[in-house]
Amino acid sequence: MNQGGLFDIWPALVVATRIPLWQKRGLYLFYLPTYSPQLNIAETMWRHLKGGWLRPEDYSDDETLAYSVNRCMANVGQYLKISFSPFYTN
C-alpha cells in the first residue's frame, strides 16, 4: 500500500490528468451540481415509490413495507413505468 502518496491524497488529480487523453478519444465528463436529485435515477425511483406506487397500508410495519417495495421494484418497466425527460447537451 502506498501511504502518503500524492494520488492517495487527491484521487481527483488522477482523473484530471487523464481528461485531455479521454477528450481526444471522444469521452467527455459532465460535472453534476452537488445536489441534483432530478438527475439521480435512485431519487426519481424513490419519489415515485413514495408518491404513488406505495399505498398507506404498505407502511404498517417493516416487513410489509419491505415486501411492497420489493414488489414495486420487480414490476418497474413491466407494469410500473417512469417517463424520463430527454437529456439535452446544448
PDB file of N, CA and C in Angstrom:
ATOM      1  N   MET A   1       0.841  -1.178   0.000  1.00  0.00           N
ATOM      2  CA  MET A   1       0.000   0.000   0.000  1.00  0.00           C
ATOM      3  C   MET A   1       0.883   1.238   0.000  1.00  0.00           C
ATOM      4  N   ASN A   2       0.583   2.168  -0.861  1.00  0.00           N
ATOM      5  CA  ASN A   2       1.361   3.391  -0.980  1.00  0.00           C
ATOM      6  C   ASN A   2       0.784   4.442  -0.039  1.00  0.00           C
ATOM      7  N   GLN A   3       1.330   4.571   1.143  1.00  0.00           N
ATOM      8  CA  GLN A   3       0.808   5.532   2.107  1.00  0.00           C
ATOM      9  C   GLN A   3       1.452   6.888   1.910  1.00  0.00           C
ATOM     10  N   GLY A   4       0.610   7.909   1.903  1.00  0.00           N
ATOM     11  CA  GLY A   4       1.122   9.264   1.807  1.00  0.00           C
ATOM     12  C   GLY A   4       1.446   9.706   0.394  1.00  0.00           C
ATOM     13  N   GLY A   5       1.159   8.886  -0.598  1.00  0.00           N
ATOM     14  CA  GLY A   5       1.413   9.275  -1.974  1.00  0.00           C
ATOM     15  C   GLY A   5       0.453  10.357  -2.429  1.00  0.00           C
ATOM     16  N   LEU A   6       0.844  11.095  -3.455  1.00  0.00           N
ATOM     17  CA  LEU A   6       0.044  12.194  -3.962  1.00  0.00           C
ATOM     18  C   LEU A   6      -1.342  11.723  -4.379  1.00  0.00           C
ATOM     19  N   PHE A   7      -1.419  10.572  -5.035  1.00  0.00           N
ATOM     20  CA  PHE A   7      -2.706  10.105  -5.524  1.00  0.00           C
ATOM     21  C   PHE A   7      -3.574   9.527  -4.409  1.00  0.00           C
ATOM     22  N   ASP A   8      -2.990   9.188  -3.267  1.00  0.00           N
ATOM     23  CA  ASP A   8      -3.795   8.778  -2.123  1.00  0.00           C
ATOM     24  C   ASP A   8      -4.521   9.980  -1.529  1.00  0.00           C
ATOM     25  N   ILE A   9      -3.881  11.138  -1.593  1.00  0.00           N
ATOM     26  CA  ILE A   9      -4.443  12.345  -1.005  1.00  0.00           C
ATOM     27  C   ILE A   9      -5.470  12.986  -1.941  1.00  0.00           C
ATOM     28  N   TRP A  10      -5.148  13.065  -3.243  1.00  0.00           N
ATOM     29  CA  TRP A  10      -6.020  13.727  -4.206  1.00  0.00           C
ATOM     30  C   TRP A  10      -6.356  12.793  -5.365  1.00  0.00           C
ATOM     31  N   PRO A  11      -7.287  11.846  -5.149  1.00  0.00           N
ATOM     32  CA  PRO A  11      -7.630  10.926  -6.242  1.00  0.00           C
ATOM     33  C   PRO A  11      -8.209  11.649  -7.461  1.00  0.00           C
ATOM     34  N   ALA A  12      -8.821  12.815  -7.255  1.00  0.00           N
ATOM     35  CA  ALA A  12      -9.364  13.570  -8.385  1.00  0.00           C
ATOM     36  C   ALA A  12      -8.257  14.037  -9.316  1.00  0.00           C
ATOM     37  N   LEU A  13      -7.046  14.161  -8.820  1.00  0.00           N
ATOM     38  CA  LEU A  13      -5.918  14.565  -9.654  1.00  0.00           C
ATOM     39  C   LEU A  13      -5.636  13.512 -10.720  1.00  0.00           C
ATOM     40  N   VAL A  14      -5.831  12.257 -10.391  1.00  0.00           N
ATOM     41  CA  VAL A  14      -5.654  11.175 -11.366  1.00  0.00           C
ATOM     42  C   VAL A  14      -6.627  11.384 -12.522  1.00  0.00           C
ATOM     43  N   VAL A  15      -7.876  11.657 -12.202  1.00  0.00           N
ATOM     44  CA  VAL A  15      -8.888  11.893 -13.234  1.00  0.00           C
ATOM     45  C   VAL A  15      -8.523  13.139 -14.039  1.00  0.00           C
ATOM     46  N   ALA A  16      -8.169  14.207 -13.354  1.00  0.00           N
ATOM     47  CA  ALA A  16      -7.860  15.473 -14.025  1.00  0.00           C
ATOM     48  C   ALA A  16      -6.707  15.326 -15.014  1.00  0.00           C
ATOM     49  N   THR A  17      -5.728  14.516 -14.691  1.00  0.00           N
ATOM     50  CA  THR A  17      -4.589  14.359 -15.599  1.00  0.00           C
ATOM     51  C   THR A  17      -4.953  13.545 -16.834  1.00  0.00           C
ATOM     52  N   ARG A  18      -6.023  12.774 -16.761  1.00  0.00           N
ATOM     53  CA  ARG A  18      -6.415  11.927 -17.896  1.00  0.00           C
ATOM     54  C   ARG A  18      -7.481  12.555 -18.793  1.00  0.00           C
ATOM     55  N   ILE A  19      -8.062  13.658 -18.371  1.00  0.00           N
ATOM     56  CA  ILE A  19      -9.132  14.290 -19.152  1.00  0.00           C
ATOM     57  C   ILE A  19      -8.698  14.623 -20.579  1.00  0.00           C
ATOM     58  N   PRO A  20      -7.533  15.230 -20.808  1.00  0.00           N
ATOM     59  CA  PRO A  20      -7.147  15.525 -22.198  1.00  0.00           C
ATOM     60  C   PRO A  20      -7.070  14.273 -23.076  1.00  0.00           C
ATOM     61  N   LEU A  21      -6.537  13.184 -22.548  1.00  0.00           N
ATOM     62  CA  LEU A  21      -6.458  11.931 -23.298  1.00  0.00           C
ATOM     63  C   LEU A  21      -7.855  11.414 -23.627  1.00  0.00           C
ATOM     64  N   TRP A  22      -8.742  11.441 -22.635  1.00  0.00           N
ATOM     65  CA  TRP A  22     -10.102  10.966 -22.857  1.00  0.00           C
ATOM     66  C   TRP A  22     -10.828  11.815 -23.891  1.00  0.00           C
ATOM     67  N   GLN A  23     -10.626  13.140 -23.854  1.00  0.00           N
ATOM     68  CA  GLN A  23     -11.295  14.018 -24.812  1.00  0.00           C
ATOM     69  C   GLN A  23     -10.801  13.761 -26.236  1.00  0.00           C
ATOM     70  N   LYS A  24      -9.535  13.446 -26.393  1.00  0.00           N
ATOM     71  CA  LYS A  24      -9.023  13.087 -27.725  1.00  0.00           C
ATOM     72  C   LYS A  24      -9.714  11.842 -28.258  1.00  0.00           C
ATOM     73  N   ARG A  25     -10.150  10.978 -27.340  1.00  0.00           N
ATOM     74  CA  ARG A  25     -10.826   9.737 -27.723  1.00  0.00           C
ATOM     75  C   ARG A  25     -12.351   9.911 -27.792  1.00  0.00           C
ATOM     76  N   GLY A  26     -12.831  11.126 -27.571  1.00  0.00           N
ATOM     77  CA  GLY A  26     -14.258  11.397 -27.671  1.00  0.00           C
ATOM     78  C   GLY A  26     -15.053  11.205 -26.396  1.00  0.00           C
ATOM     79  N   LEU A  27     -14.371  11.070 -25.271  1.00  0.00           N
ATOM     80  CA  LEU A  27     -15.054  10.902 -23.993  1.00  0.00           C
ATOM     81  C   LEU A  27     -15.028  12.227 -23.247  1.00  0.00           C
ATOM     82  N   TYR A  28     -16.184  12.714 -22.881  1.00  0.00           N
ATOM     83  CA  TYR A  28     -16.285  13.988 -22.164  1.00  0.00           C
ATOM     84  C   TYR A  28     -16.989  13.772 -20.838  1.00  0.00           C
ATOM     85  N   LEU A  29     -16.475  14.400 -19.794  1.00  0.00           N
ATOM     86  CA  LEU A  29     -17.080  14.308 -18.471  1.00  0.00           C
ATOM     87  C   LEU A  29     -18.009  15.497 -18.262  1.00  0.00           C
ATOM     88  N   PHE A  30     -19.168  15.236 -17.694  1.00  0.00           N
ATOM     89  CA  PHE A  30     -20.104  16.290 -17.344  1.00  0.00           C
ATOM     90  C   PHE A  30     -20.210  16.305 -15.835  1.00  0.00           C
ATOM     91  N   TYR A  31     -19.944  17.436 -15.247  1.00  0.00           N
ATOM     92  CA  TYR A  31     -19.986  17.546 -13.795  1.00  0.00           C
ATOM     93  C   TYR A  31     -21.381  17.943 -13.355  1.00  0.00           C
ATOM     94  N   LEU A  32     -21.896  17.234 -12.357  1.00  0.00           N
ATOM     95  CA  LEU A  32     -23.223  17.499 -11.827  1.00  0.00           C
ATOM     96  C   LEU A  32     -23.123  18.450 -10.641  1.00  0.00           C
ATOM     97  N   PRO A  33     -24.180  19.218 -10.416  1.00  0.00           N
ATOM     98  CA  PRO A  33     -24.201  20.041  -9.201  1.00  0.00           C
ATOM     99  C   PRO A  33     -24.152  19.127  -7.973  1.00  0.00           C
ATOM    100  N   THR A  34     -23.745  19.669  -6.845  1.00  0.00           N
ATOM    101  CA  THR A  34     -23.619  18.847  -5.643  1.00  0.00           C
ATOM    102  C   THR A  34     -24.929  18.185  -5.269  1.00  0.00           C
ATOM    103  N   TYR A  35     -26.031  18.866  -5.433  1.00  0.00           N
ATOM    104  CA  TYR A  35     -27.332  18.260  -5.140  1.00  0.00           C
ATOM    105  C   TYR A  35     -28.192  18.377  -6.388  1.00  0.00           C
ATOM    106  N   SER A  36     -28.449  17.255  -7.036  1.00  0.00           N
ATOM    107  CA  SER A  36     -29.246  17.260  -8.266  1.00  0.00           C
ATOM    108  C   SER A  36     -30.120  16.006  -8.319  1.00  0.00           C
ATOM    109  N   PRO A  37     -31.145  15.932  -7.457  1.00  0.00           N
ATOM    110  CA  PRO A  37     -31.965  14.722  -7.399  1.00  0.00           C
ATOM    111  C   PRO A  37     -32.674  14.410  -8.712  1.00  0.00           C
ATOM    112  N   GLN A  38     -32.962  15.440  -9.518  1.00  0.00           N
ATOM    113  CA  GLN A  38     -33.635  15.200 -10.796  1.00  0.00           C
ATOM    114  C   GLN A  38     -32.750  14.435 -11.767  1.00  0.00           C
ATOM    115  N   LEU A  39     -31.450  14.405 -11.537  1.00  0.00           N
ATOM    116  CA  LEU A  39     -30.520  13.687 -12.398  1.00  0.00           C
ATOM    117  C   LEU A  39     -30.120  12.333 -11.820  1.00  0.00           C
ATOM    118  N   ASN A  40     -30.646  12.001 -10.654  1.00  0.00           N
ATOM    119  CA  ASN A  40     -30.296  10.761  -9.971  1.00  0.00           C
ATOM    120  C   ASN A  40     -31.461   9.777 -10.102  1.00  0.00           C
ATOM    121  N   ILE A  41     -31.241   8.691 -10.799  1.00  0.00           N
ATOM    122  CA  ILE A  41     -32.312   7.720 -11.049  1.00  0.00           C
ATOM    123  C   ILE A  41     -32.866   7.150  -9.746  1.00  0.00           C
ATOM    124  N   ALA A  42     -32.022   6.920  -8.761  1.00  0.00           N
ATOM    125  CA  ALA A  42     -32.497   6.371  -7.486  1.00  0.00           C
ATOM    126  C   ALA A  42     -33.453   7.344  -6.796  1.00  0.00           C
ATOM    127  N   GLU A  43     -33.147   8.647  -6.833  1.00  0.00           N
ATOM    128  CA  GLU A  43     -34.031   9.651  -6.238  1.00  0.00           C
ATOM    129  C   GLU A  43     -35.374   9.664  -6.957  1.00  0.00           C
ATOM    130  N   THR A  44     -35.346   9.558  -8.270  1.00  0.00           N
ATOM    131  CA  THR A  44     -36.584   9.543  -9.056  1.00  0.00           C
ATOM    132  C   THR A  44     -37.415   8.309  -8.706  1.00  0.00           C
ATOM    133  N   MET A  45     -36.761   7.179  -8.577  1.00  0.00           N
ATOM    134  CA  MET A  45     -37.456   5.938  -8.231  1.00  0.00           C
ATOM    135  C   MET A  45     -38.137   6.058  -6.867  1.00  0.00           C
ATOM    136  N   TRP A  46     -37.412   6.581  -5.868  1.00  0.00           N
ATOM    137  CA  TRP A  46     -37.997   6.724  -4.531  1.00  0.00           C
ATOM    138  C   TRP A  46     -39.150   7.713  -4.542  1.00  0.00           C
ATOM    139  N   ARG A  47     -39.031   8.779  -5.327  1.00  0.00           N
ATOM    140  CA  ARG A  47     -40.107   9.761  -5.412  1.00  0.00           C
ATOM    141  C   ARG A  47     -41.385   9.096  -5.943  1.00  0.00           C
ATOM    142  N   HIS A  48     -41.255   8.239  -6.956  1.00  0.00           N
ATOM    143  CA  HIS A  48     -42.425   7.536  -7.488  1.00  0.00           C
ATOM    144  C   HIS A  48     -42.955   6.506  -6.500  1.00  0.00           C
ATOM    145  N   LEU A  49     -42.056   5.810  -5.819  1.00  0.00           N
ATOM    146  CA  LEU A  49     -42.495   4.841  -4.804  1.00  0.00           C
ATOM    147  C   LEU A  49     -43.330   5.528  -3.728  1.00  0.00           C
ATOM    148  N   LYS A  50     -42.768   6.584  -3.143  1.00  0.00           N
ATOM    149  CA  LYS A  50     -43.438   7.260  -2.035  1.00  0.00           C
ATOM    150  C   LYS A  50     -44.656   8.048  -2.492  1.00  0.00           C
ATOM    151  N   GLY A  51     -44.622   8.555  -3.723  1.00  0.00           N
ATOM    152  CA  GLY A  51     -45.676   9.448  -4.175  1.00  0.00           C
ATOM    153  C   GLY A  51     -46.858   8.788  -4.855  1.00  0.00           C
ATOM    154  N   GLY A  52     -46.787   7.505  -5.149  1.00  0.00           N
ATOM    155  CA  GLY A  52     -47.909   6.940  -5.857  1.00  0.00           C
ATOM    156  C   GLY A  52     -47.991   5.429  -5.874  1.00  0.00           C
ATOM    157  N   TRP A  53     -46.870   4.770  -5.903  1.00  0.00           N
ATOM    158  CA  TRP A  53     -46.906   3.320  -6.034  1.00  0.00           C
ATOM    159  C   TRP A  53     -47.209   2.619  -4.722  1.00  0.00           C
ATOM    160  N   LEU A  54     -46.687   3.146  -3.624  1.00  0.00           N
ATOM    161  CA  LEU A  54     -46.959   2.545  -2.320  1.00  0.00           C
ATOM    162  C   LEU A  54     -48.258   3.100  -1.749  1.00  0.00           C
ATOM    163  N   ARG A  55     -49.022   2.236  -1.131  1.00  0.00           N
ATOM    164  CA  ARG A  55     -50.288   2.629  -0.506  1.00  0.00           C
ATOM    165  C   ARG A  55     -50.046   2.894   0.977  1.00  0.00           C
ATOM    166  N   PRO A  56     -50.899   3.666   1.623  1.00  0.00           N
ATOM    167  CA  PRO A  56     -50.710   3.939   3.060  1.00  0.00           C
ATOM    168  C   PRO A  56     -50.601   2.661   3.898  1.00  0.00           C
ATOM    169  N   GLU A  57     -51.365   1.633   3.562  1.00  0.00           N
ATOM    170  CA  GLU A  57     -51.299   0.392   4.354  1.00  0.00           C
ATOM    171  C   GLU A  57     -49.981  -0.354   4.174  1.00  0.00           C
ATOM    172  N   ASP A  58     -49.206  -0.011   3.128  1.00  0.00           N
ATOM    173  CA  ASP A  58     -47.892  -0.640   2.934  1.00  0.00           C
ATOM    174  C   ASP A  58     -46.894  -0.218   4.007  1.00  0.00           C
ATOM    175  N   TYR A  59     -47.184   0.867   4.710  1.00  0.00           N
ATOM    176  CA  TYR A  59     -46.294   1.374   5.760  1.00  0.00           C
ATOM    177  C   TYR A  59     -46.628   0.825   7.139  1.00  0.00           C
ATOM    178  N   SER A  60     -47.514  -0.158   7.226  1.00  0.00           N
ATOM    179  CA  SER A  60     -47.995  -0.639   8.527  1.00  0.00           C
ATOM    180  C   SER A  60     -46.891  -1.227   9.410  1.00  0.00           C
ATOM    181  N   ASP A  61     -45.925  -1.931   8.815  1.00  0.00           N
ATOM    182  CA  ASP A  61     -44.784  -2.448   9.581  1.00  0.00           C
ATOM    183  C   ASP A  61     -43.609  -2.663   8.622  1.00  0.00           C
ATOM    184  N   ASP A  62     -42.449  -2.931   9.179  1.00  0.00           N
ATOM    185  CA  ASP A  62     -41.225  -3.060   8.376  1.00  0.00           C
ATOM    186  C   ASP A  62     -41.332  -4.165   7.325  1.00  0.00           C
ATOM    187  N   GLU A  63     -41.884  -5.282   7.721  1.00  0.00           N
ATOM    188  CA  GLU A  63     -41.969  -6.429   6.818  1.00  0.00           C
ATOM    189  C   GLU A  63     -42.888  -6.130   5.627  1.00  0.00           C
ATOM    190  N   THR A  64     -44.028  -5.517   5.904  1.00  0.00           N
ATOM    191  CA  THR A  64     -44.965  -5.166   4.835  1.00  0.00           C
ATOM    192  C   THR A  64     -44.350  -4.136   3.893  1.00  0.00           C
ATOM    193  N   LEU A  65     -43.665  -3.156   4.458  1.00  0.00           N
ATOM    194  CA  LEU A  65     -43.020  -2.138   3.626  1.00  0.00           C
ATOM    195  C   LEU A  65     -41.943  -2.758   2.742  1.00  0.00           C
ATOM    196  N   ALA A  66     -41.120  -3.613   3.321  1.00  0.00           N
ATOM    197  CA  ALA A  66     -40.056  -4.261   2.539  1.00  0.00           C
ATOM    198  C   ALA A  66     -40.647  -5.088   1.403  1.00  0.00           C
ATOM    199  N   TYR A  67     -41.708  -5.827   1.699  1.00  0.00           N
ATOM    200  CA  TYR A  67     -42.359  -6.644   0.680  1.00  0.00           C
ATOM    201  C   TYR A  67     -42.947  -5.758  -0.421  1.00  0.00           C
ATOM    202  N   SER A  68     -43.607  -4.684  -0.042  1.00  0.00           N
ATOM    203  CA  SER A  68     -44.241  -3.793  -1.016  1.00  0.00           C
ATOM    204  C   SER A  68     -43.216  -3.107  -1.902  1.00  0.00           C
ATOM    205  N   VAL A  69     -42.124  -2.652  -1.316  1.00  0.00           N
ATOM    206  CA  VAL A  69     -41.053  -2.029  -2.113  1.00  0.00           C
ATOM    207  C   VAL A  69     -40.474  -3.063  -3.077  1.00  0.00           C
ATOM    208  N   ASN A  70     -40.259  -4.275  -2.595  1.00  0.00           N
ATOM    209  CA  ASN A  70     -39.734  -5.346  -3.441  1.00  0.00           C
ATOM    210  C   ASN A  70     -40.659  -5.613  -4.622  1.00  0.00           C
ATOM    211  N   ARG A  71     -41.948  -5.681  -4.362  1.00  0.00           N
ATOM    212  CA  ARG A  71     -42.924  -5.942  -5.441  1.00  0.00           C
ATOM    213  C   ARG A  71     -42.949  -4.791  -6.449  1.00  0.00           C
ATOM    214  N   CYS A  72     -42.892  -3.568  -5.959  1.00  0.00           N
ATOM    215  CA  CYS A  72     -42.861  -2.416  -6.872  1.00  0.00           C
ATOM    216  C   CYS A  72     -41.615  -2.461  -7.752  1.00  0.00           C
ATOM    217  N   MET A  73     -40.465  -2.698  -7.141  1.00  0.00           N
ATOM    218  CA  MET A  73     -39.210  -2.718  -7.903  1.00  0.00           C
ATOM    219  C   MET A  73     -39.215  -3.850  -8.926  1.00  0.00           C
ATOM    220  N   ALA A  74     -39.828  -4.977  -8.596  1.00  0.00           N
ATOM    221  CA  ALA A  74     -39.886  -6.101  -9.524  1.00  0.00           C
ATOM    222  C   ALA A  74     -40.782  -5.780 -10.722  1.00  0.00           C
ATOM    223  N   ASN A  75     -41.711  -4.851 -10.556  1.00  0.00           N
ATOM    224  CA  ASN A  75     -42.648  -4.520 -11.626  1.00  0.00           C
ATOM    225  C   ASN A  75     -42.275  -3.271 -12.417  1.00  0.00           C
ATOM    226  N   VAL A  76     -41.180  -2.636 -12.059  1.00  0.00           N
ATOM    227  CA  VAL A  76     -40.748  -1.451 -12.815  1.00  0.00           C
ATOM    228  C   VAL A  76     -40.385  -1.884 -14.228  1.00  0.00           C
ATOM    229  N   GLY A  77     -40.930  -1.156 -15.181  1.00  0.00           N
ATOM    230  CA  GLY A  77     -40.663  -1.458 -16.582  1.00  0.00           C
ATOM    231  C   GLY A  77     -41.702  -2.356 -17.202  1.00  0.00           C
ATOM    232  N   GLN A  78     -42.361  -3.165 -16.379  1.00  0.00           N
ATOM    233  CA  GLN A  78     -43.375  -4.063 -16.903  1.00  0.00           C
ATOM    234  C   GLN A  78     -44.763  -3.466 -16.683  1.00  0.00           C
ATOM    235  N   TYR A  79     -45.095  -3.206 -15.422  1.00  0.00           N
ATOM    236  CA  TYR A  79     -46.395  -2.621 -15.095  1.00  0.00           C
ATOM    237  C   TYR A  79     -46.266  -1.190 -14.595  1.00  0.00           C
ATOM    238  N   LEU A  80     -45.167  -0.895 -13.933  1.00  0.00           N
ATOM    239  CA  LEU A  80     -44.922   0.454 -13.411  1.00  0.00           C
ATOM    240  C   LEU A  80     -43.890   1.131 -14.302  1.00  0.00           C
ATOM    241  N   LYS A  81     -44.209   2.308 -14.773  1.00  0.00           N
ATOM    242  CA  LYS A  81     -43.324   2.987 -15.725  1.00  0.00           C
ATOM    243  C   LYS A  81     -43.007   4.400 -15.254  1.00  0.00           C
ATOM    244  N   ILE A  82     -41.820   4.863 -15.618  1.00  0.00           N
ATOM    245  CA  ILE A  82     -41.390   6.235 -15.356  1.00  0.00           C
ATOM    246  C   ILE A  82     -41.004   6.845 -16.689  1.00  0.00           C
ATOM    247  N   SER A  83     -41.504   8.038 -16.959  1.00  0.00           N
ATOM    248  CA  SER A  83     -41.112   8.760 -18.171  1.00  0.00           C
ATOM    249  C   SER A  83     -40.032   9.767 -17.793  1.00  0.00           C
ATOM    250  N   PHE A  84     -38.838   9.553 -18.316  1.00  0.00           N
ATOM    251  CA  PHE A  84     -37.737  10.456 -18.063  1.00  0.00           C
ATOM    252  C   PHE A  84     -37.667  11.479 -19.183  1.00  0.00           C
ATOM    253  N   SER A  85     -37.337  12.705 -18.837  1.00  0.00           N
ATOM    254  CA  SER A  85     -37.157  13.737 -19.864  1.00  0.00           C
ATOM    255  C   SER A  85     -35.874  13.453 -20.616  1.00  0.00           C
ATOM    256  N   PRO A  86     -35.823  13.817 -21.891  1.00  0.00           N
ATOM    257  CA  PRO A  86     -34.564  13.627 -22.635  1.00  0.00           C
ATOM    258  C   PRO A  86     -33.488  14.554 -22.079  1.00  0.00           C
ATOM    259  N   PHE A  87     -32.269  14.122 -22.205  1.00  0.00           N
ATOM    260  CA  PHE A  87     -31.126  14.906 -21.725  1.00  0.00           C
ATOM    261  C   PHE A  87     -30.556  15.703 -22.878  1.00  0.00           C
ATOM    262  N   TYR A  88     -30.552  17.009 -22.752  1.00  0.00           N
ATOM    263  CA  TYR A  88     -30.032  17.867 -23.809  1.00  0.00           C
ATOM    264  C   TYR A  88     -28.665  18.389 -23.397  1.00  0.00           C
ATOM    265  N   THR A  89     -27.736  18.404 -24.341  1.00  0.00           N
ATOM    266  CA  THR A  89     -26.359  18.829 -24.048  1.00  0.00           C
ATOM    267  C   THR A  89     -26.024  20.157 -24.700  1.00  0.00           C
ATOM    268  N   ASN A  90     -27.007  21.032 -24.861  1.00  0.00           N
ATOM    269  CA  ASN A  90     -26.776  22.314 -25.563  1.00  0.00           C
ATOM    270  C   ASN A  90     -25.518  22.952 -25.113  1.00  0.00           C
TER     271      ASN A  90
END
